[in-house]
N, C-alpha and C. Protein backbone atom coordinates (compact mmCIF):
# COMPACT_ATOMS: atom_id res chain seq x y z
N MET A 1 -4.66 12.79 -29.67
CA MET A 1 -4.60 14.01 -28.91
C MET A 1 -3.43 13.91 -27.92
N ASN A 2 -2.67 14.96 -27.85
CA ASN A 2 -1.52 15.00 -26.94
C ASN A 2 -1.86 15.91 -25.76
N LEU A 3 -2.49 15.33 -24.77
CA LEU A 3 -2.95 16.07 -23.61
C LEU A 3 -2.00 15.83 -22.44
N PRO A 4 -1.54 16.91 -21.78
CA PRO A 4 -0.64 16.68 -20.64
C PRO A 4 -1.39 16.00 -19.50
N ALA A 5 -0.67 15.18 -18.77
CA ALA A 5 -1.26 14.48 -17.62
C ALA A 5 -1.58 15.48 -16.52
N PRO A 6 -2.56 15.17 -15.68
CA PRO A 6 -2.85 16.04 -14.54
C PRO A 6 -1.64 16.15 -13.60
N VAL A 7 -1.62 17.23 -12.86
CA VAL A 7 -0.60 17.40 -11.83
C VAL A 7 -0.78 16.27 -10.83
N PRO A 8 0.31 15.67 -10.34
CA PRO A 8 0.18 14.56 -9.38
C PRO A 8 -0.61 14.97 -8.13
N PHE A 9 -1.24 13.98 -7.53
CA PHE A 9 -2.00 14.17 -6.29
C PHE A 9 -1.06 14.56 -5.16
N VAL A 10 -1.51 15.49 -4.32
CA VAL A 10 -0.73 15.94 -3.17
C VAL A 10 -1.46 15.52 -1.90
N SER A 11 -0.77 14.78 -1.04
CA SER A 11 -1.41 14.29 0.19
C SER A 11 -1.13 15.19 1.39
N LYS A 12 -0.27 16.18 1.21
CA LYS A 12 0.03 17.11 2.30
C LYS A 12 -1.03 18.21 2.34
N GLY A 13 -1.19 18.82 3.49
CA GLY A 13 -2.20 19.87 3.63
C GLY A 13 -3.57 19.25 3.82
N ASP A 14 -4.58 19.83 3.19
CA ASP A 14 -5.95 19.33 3.31
C ASP A 14 -6.16 18.19 2.32
N ILE A 15 -5.90 16.97 2.77
CA ILE A 15 -5.94 15.80 1.89
C ILE A 15 -7.34 15.58 1.30
N VAL A 16 -8.38 15.87 2.08
CA VAL A 16 -9.74 15.68 1.57
C VAL A 16 -9.99 16.63 0.41
N GLU A 17 -9.69 17.91 0.60
CA GLU A 17 -9.89 18.88 -0.47
C GLU A 17 -9.02 18.55 -1.68
N ASN A 18 -7.78 18.16 -1.43
CA ASN A 18 -6.88 17.82 -2.54
C ASN A 18 -7.45 16.65 -3.35
N TRP A 19 -7.98 15.63 -2.68
CA TRP A 19 -8.55 14.48 -3.37
C TRP A 19 -9.82 14.87 -4.13
N VAL A 20 -10.68 15.65 -3.48
CA VAL A 20 -11.94 16.07 -4.11
C VAL A 20 -11.65 16.90 -5.37
N LEU A 21 -10.58 17.66 -5.37
CA LEU A 21 -10.20 18.44 -6.56
C LEU A 21 -9.47 17.59 -7.59
N TRP A 22 -8.65 16.64 -7.15
CA TRP A 22 -7.84 15.84 -8.08
C TRP A 22 -8.67 14.80 -8.82
N LYS A 23 -9.61 14.17 -8.13
CA LYS A 23 -10.37 13.06 -8.72
C LYS A 23 -11.09 13.46 -10.01
N PRO A 24 -11.82 14.59 -10.07
CA PRO A 24 -12.46 14.94 -11.35
C PRO A 24 -11.45 15.30 -12.44
N THR A 25 -10.28 15.78 -12.02
CA THR A 25 -9.23 16.05 -13.01
C THR A 25 -8.81 14.75 -13.67
N TRP A 26 -8.66 13.69 -12.87
CA TRP A 26 -8.34 12.37 -13.43
C TRP A 26 -9.46 11.91 -14.36
N LYS A 27 -10.70 12.03 -13.92
CA LYS A 27 -11.83 11.56 -14.73
C LYS A 27 -11.89 12.29 -16.06
N ASN A 28 -11.63 13.60 -16.06
CA ASN A 28 -11.60 14.36 -17.31
C ASN A 28 -10.45 13.91 -18.20
N TYR A 29 -9.29 13.69 -17.59
CA TYR A 29 -8.14 13.21 -18.35
C TYR A 29 -8.43 11.85 -18.97
N GLU A 30 -9.02 10.97 -18.18
CA GLU A 30 -9.35 9.64 -18.67
C GLU A 30 -10.35 9.72 -19.82
N LEU A 31 -11.35 10.57 -19.68
CA LEU A 31 -12.34 10.74 -20.74
C LEU A 31 -11.70 11.29 -22.01
N ALA A 32 -10.83 12.26 -21.86
CA ALA A 32 -10.21 12.91 -23.02
C ALA A 32 -9.19 12.03 -23.73
N THR A 33 -8.54 11.13 -22.99
CA THR A 33 -7.48 10.31 -23.60
C THR A 33 -7.89 8.88 -23.87
N ASP A 34 -9.12 8.52 -23.54
CA ASP A 34 -9.69 7.20 -23.81
C ASP A 34 -8.99 6.01 -23.17
N PRO A 35 -8.34 6.14 -22.01
CA PRO A 35 -7.78 4.92 -21.43
C PRO A 35 -8.88 3.98 -20.95
N ASP A 36 -10.12 4.50 -20.86
CA ASP A 36 -11.21 3.63 -20.44
C ASP A 36 -11.53 2.58 -21.50
N LYS A 37 -10.97 2.72 -22.69
CA LYS A 37 -11.15 1.72 -23.74
C LYS A 37 -10.08 0.63 -23.66
N LYS A 38 -9.17 0.79 -22.73
CA LYS A 38 -8.10 -0.19 -22.55
C LYS A 38 -8.47 -1.16 -21.43
N GLU A 39 -7.73 -2.24 -21.35
CA GLU A 39 -7.99 -3.23 -20.30
C GLU A 39 -7.71 -2.63 -18.92
N ASP A 40 -8.37 -3.19 -17.90
CA ASP A 40 -8.27 -2.67 -16.54
C ASP A 40 -6.84 -2.52 -16.05
N LYS A 41 -6.01 -3.52 -16.32
CA LYS A 41 -4.63 -3.50 -15.83
C LYS A 41 -3.87 -2.29 -16.39
N LYS A 42 -4.09 -1.99 -17.67
CA LYS A 42 -3.41 -0.85 -18.29
C LYS A 42 -3.97 0.47 -17.75
N ARG A 43 -5.28 0.54 -17.59
CA ARG A 43 -5.90 1.74 -17.02
C ARG A 43 -5.34 2.01 -15.62
N ALA A 44 -5.21 0.95 -14.82
CA ALA A 44 -4.67 1.10 -13.46
C ALA A 44 -3.23 1.58 -13.50
N ALA A 45 -2.46 1.08 -14.45
CA ALA A 45 -1.06 1.51 -14.58
C ALA A 45 -0.98 2.99 -14.94
N VAL A 46 -1.85 3.44 -15.83
CA VAL A 46 -1.89 4.86 -16.20
C VAL A 46 -2.28 5.69 -14.96
N PHE A 47 -3.30 5.24 -14.25
CA PHE A 47 -3.75 5.94 -13.04
C PHE A 47 -2.61 6.06 -12.03
N LYS A 48 -1.92 4.95 -11.77
CA LYS A 48 -0.85 4.94 -10.78
C LYS A 48 0.34 5.79 -11.21
N THR A 49 0.53 5.96 -12.50
CA THR A 49 1.57 6.85 -13.00
C THR A 49 1.17 8.30 -12.81
N VAL A 50 -0.07 8.61 -13.19
CA VAL A 50 -0.56 9.99 -13.13
C VAL A 50 -0.71 10.48 -11.69
N ILE A 51 -1.13 9.61 -10.79
CA ILE A 51 -1.36 10.05 -9.40
C ILE A 51 -0.06 10.46 -8.71
N GLY A 52 1.07 9.98 -9.21
CA GLY A 52 2.36 10.41 -8.70
C GLY A 52 2.83 9.66 -7.46
N ALA A 53 4.01 10.03 -6.99
CA ALA A 53 4.67 9.31 -5.89
C ALA A 53 3.87 9.35 -4.59
N GLU A 54 3.31 10.51 -4.25
CA GLU A 54 2.54 10.59 -3.00
C GLU A 54 1.30 9.72 -3.06
N GLY A 55 0.66 9.70 -4.21
CA GLY A 55 -0.52 8.86 -4.39
C GLY A 55 -0.18 7.38 -4.32
N VAL A 56 0.91 7.00 -4.95
CA VAL A 56 1.35 5.60 -4.92
C VAL A 56 1.73 5.21 -3.49
N ARG A 57 2.38 6.10 -2.77
CA ARG A 57 2.73 5.84 -1.37
C ARG A 57 1.46 5.60 -0.55
N LEU A 58 0.44 6.42 -0.77
CA LEU A 58 -0.83 6.25 -0.07
C LEU A 58 -1.48 4.92 -0.45
N LEU A 59 -1.44 4.57 -1.73
CA LEU A 59 -1.99 3.28 -2.17
C LEU A 59 -1.31 2.13 -1.44
N ARG A 60 0.01 2.22 -1.29
CA ARG A 60 0.75 1.17 -0.56
C ARG A 60 0.33 1.13 0.90
N GLN A 61 0.19 2.29 1.51
CA GLN A 61 -0.17 2.36 2.94
C GLN A 61 -1.53 1.73 3.21
N ILE A 62 -2.46 1.85 2.28
CA ILE A 62 -3.81 1.31 2.51
C ILE A 62 -3.99 -0.07 1.86
N GLY A 63 -2.89 -0.62 1.33
CA GLY A 63 -2.94 -1.96 0.75
C GLY A 63 -3.68 -2.03 -0.58
N ALA A 64 -3.66 -0.92 -1.33
CA ALA A 64 -4.39 -0.87 -2.60
C ALA A 64 -3.46 -0.80 -3.81
N ASP A 65 -2.16 -0.96 -3.59
CA ASP A 65 -1.21 -0.80 -4.69
C ASP A 65 -1.25 -1.93 -5.71
N GLU A 66 -1.82 -3.06 -5.37
CA GLU A 66 -1.90 -4.19 -6.31
C GLU A 66 -3.25 -4.29 -7.01
N ILE A 67 -4.18 -3.41 -6.67
CA ILE A 67 -5.51 -3.44 -7.31
C ILE A 67 -5.35 -3.04 -8.77
N THR A 68 -6.01 -3.77 -9.67
CA THR A 68 -5.86 -3.51 -11.11
C THR A 68 -7.13 -2.95 -11.74
N SER A 69 -8.03 -2.42 -10.95
CA SER A 69 -9.25 -1.79 -11.45
C SER A 69 -9.26 -0.34 -10.96
N VAL A 70 -9.30 0.62 -11.88
CA VAL A 70 -9.32 2.03 -11.49
C VAL A 70 -10.54 2.31 -10.62
N TYR A 71 -11.67 1.73 -10.98
CA TYR A 71 -12.89 1.91 -10.19
C TYR A 71 -12.65 1.48 -8.73
N ASP A 72 -12.03 0.32 -8.54
CA ASP A 72 -11.77 -0.18 -7.19
C ASP A 72 -10.71 0.65 -6.46
N ILE A 73 -9.72 1.13 -7.18
CA ILE A 73 -8.69 1.99 -6.57
C ILE A 73 -9.34 3.27 -6.05
N ILE A 74 -10.16 3.90 -6.90
CA ILE A 74 -10.81 5.15 -6.50
C ILE A 74 -11.76 4.91 -5.32
N LYS A 75 -12.46 3.79 -5.35
CA LYS A 75 -13.35 3.44 -4.24
C LYS A 75 -12.56 3.33 -2.92
N ARG A 76 -11.41 2.68 -2.97
CA ARG A 76 -10.57 2.52 -1.77
C ARG A 76 -10.05 3.88 -1.29
N LEU A 77 -9.61 4.71 -2.25
CA LEU A 77 -9.12 6.03 -1.87
C LEU A 77 -10.24 6.88 -1.28
N ASP A 78 -11.42 6.83 -1.89
CA ASP A 78 -12.57 7.56 -1.33
C ASP A 78 -12.83 7.12 0.10
N ALA A 79 -12.85 5.81 0.33
CA ALA A 79 -13.12 5.27 1.67
C ALA A 79 -12.05 5.69 2.68
N GLU A 80 -10.81 5.78 2.23
CA GLU A 80 -9.70 6.13 3.11
C GLU A 80 -9.64 7.63 3.39
N ILE A 81 -9.91 8.44 2.37
CA ILE A 81 -9.68 9.88 2.47
C ILE A 81 -10.90 10.67 2.95
N ILE A 82 -12.06 10.34 2.41
CA ILE A 82 -13.27 11.14 2.68
C ILE A 82 -13.93 10.64 3.96
N PRO A 83 -14.10 11.54 4.94
CA PRO A 83 -14.73 11.13 6.20
C PRO A 83 -16.16 10.63 5.96
N GLN A 84 -16.52 9.59 6.69
CA GLN A 84 -17.87 9.02 6.52
C GLN A 84 -18.82 9.63 7.50
């Protein structure tokens, strides 16, 4: 299946709303393209590509750019972005 990647994550404006809307888009993309059947390192590389430059910049700022598990990356982003 040749499915276009989601629009990159935008950290400007309402970052919480942007993340809450972007995250399920990623999950649907991942489900539709089966990267979950690939090893963690490759899944993380796909995630970091799809999230775009602003997302990668945020990952660097919170020290999560070297994490190789999509689950752990999303957990860190949730903790950073969503108010507790």
